[in-house]
Protein backbone atom coordinates (compact mmCIF):
# COMPACT_ATOMS: atom_id res chain seq x y z
CA MET A 1 116.49 106.30 120.82
CA GLY A 2 119.46 108.55 120.52
CA LEU A 3 121.01 111.26 118.44
CA ILE A 4 121.58 110.72 114.74
CA VAL A 5 123.16 112.86 112.05
CA ALA A 6 120.40 114.55 110.03
CA ASP A 7 120.46 115.31 106.30
CA ASP A 8 121.90 118.76 107.04
CA GLY A 9 124.79 117.23 109.00
CA LEU A 10 123.52 118.44 112.38
CA PRO A 11 122.60 116.17 115.29
CA ALA A 12 118.92 115.31 115.60
CA ASP A 13 116.78 113.13 117.82
CA GLU A 14 115.76 109.86 116.27
CA VAL A 15 111.99 109.39 116.45
CA GLY A 16 109.95 106.23 116.33
CA VAL A 17 106.96 105.24 114.24
CA TRP A 18 104.73 106.63 117.00
CA ALA A 19 105.65 110.18 115.92
CA LYS A 20 103.14 110.17 113.03
CA GLU A 21 100.36 108.99 115.34
CA LYS A 22 101.27 111.66 117.89
CA HIS A 23 101.20 114.29 115.13
CA THR A 24 97.70 113.15 114.12
CA TYR A 25 96.42 113.49 117.69
CA LEU A 26 98.06 116.89 118.06
CA ARG A 27 96.46 118.17 114.84
CA ARG A 28 93.04 116.95 115.96
CA TYR A 29 93.46 118.69 119.31
CA LEU A 30 94.52 121.95 117.67
CA ASP A 31 91.62 121.85 115.20
CA ILE A 32 89.11 121.29 118.01
CA SER A 33 90.59 123.96 120.28
CA ARG A 34 90.78 126.46 117.40
CA SER A 35 87.08 126.12 116.62
CA THR A 36 86.23 126.44 120.31
CA ARG A 37 88.33 129.60 120.67
CA LYS A 38 86.57 131.16 117.65
CA LYS A 39 83.34 131.12 119.64
CA TYR A 40 84.89 133.50 122.16
CA ILE A 41 87.38 135.62 120.23
CA GLY A 42 86.20 135.37 116.62
CA ASN A 43 88.48 135.24 113.58
CA GLN A 44 91.43 137.43 114.43
């Protein structure tokens, strides 16, 4: 993977198909950790 020219004309990293899967795992982690934190700090 390397740099590509993005729609805005600026350089950007090219990402693979794995990026969507990684995003799914990250969202799941954040949802779980958010609900766990609420037990200790409440809704702030």
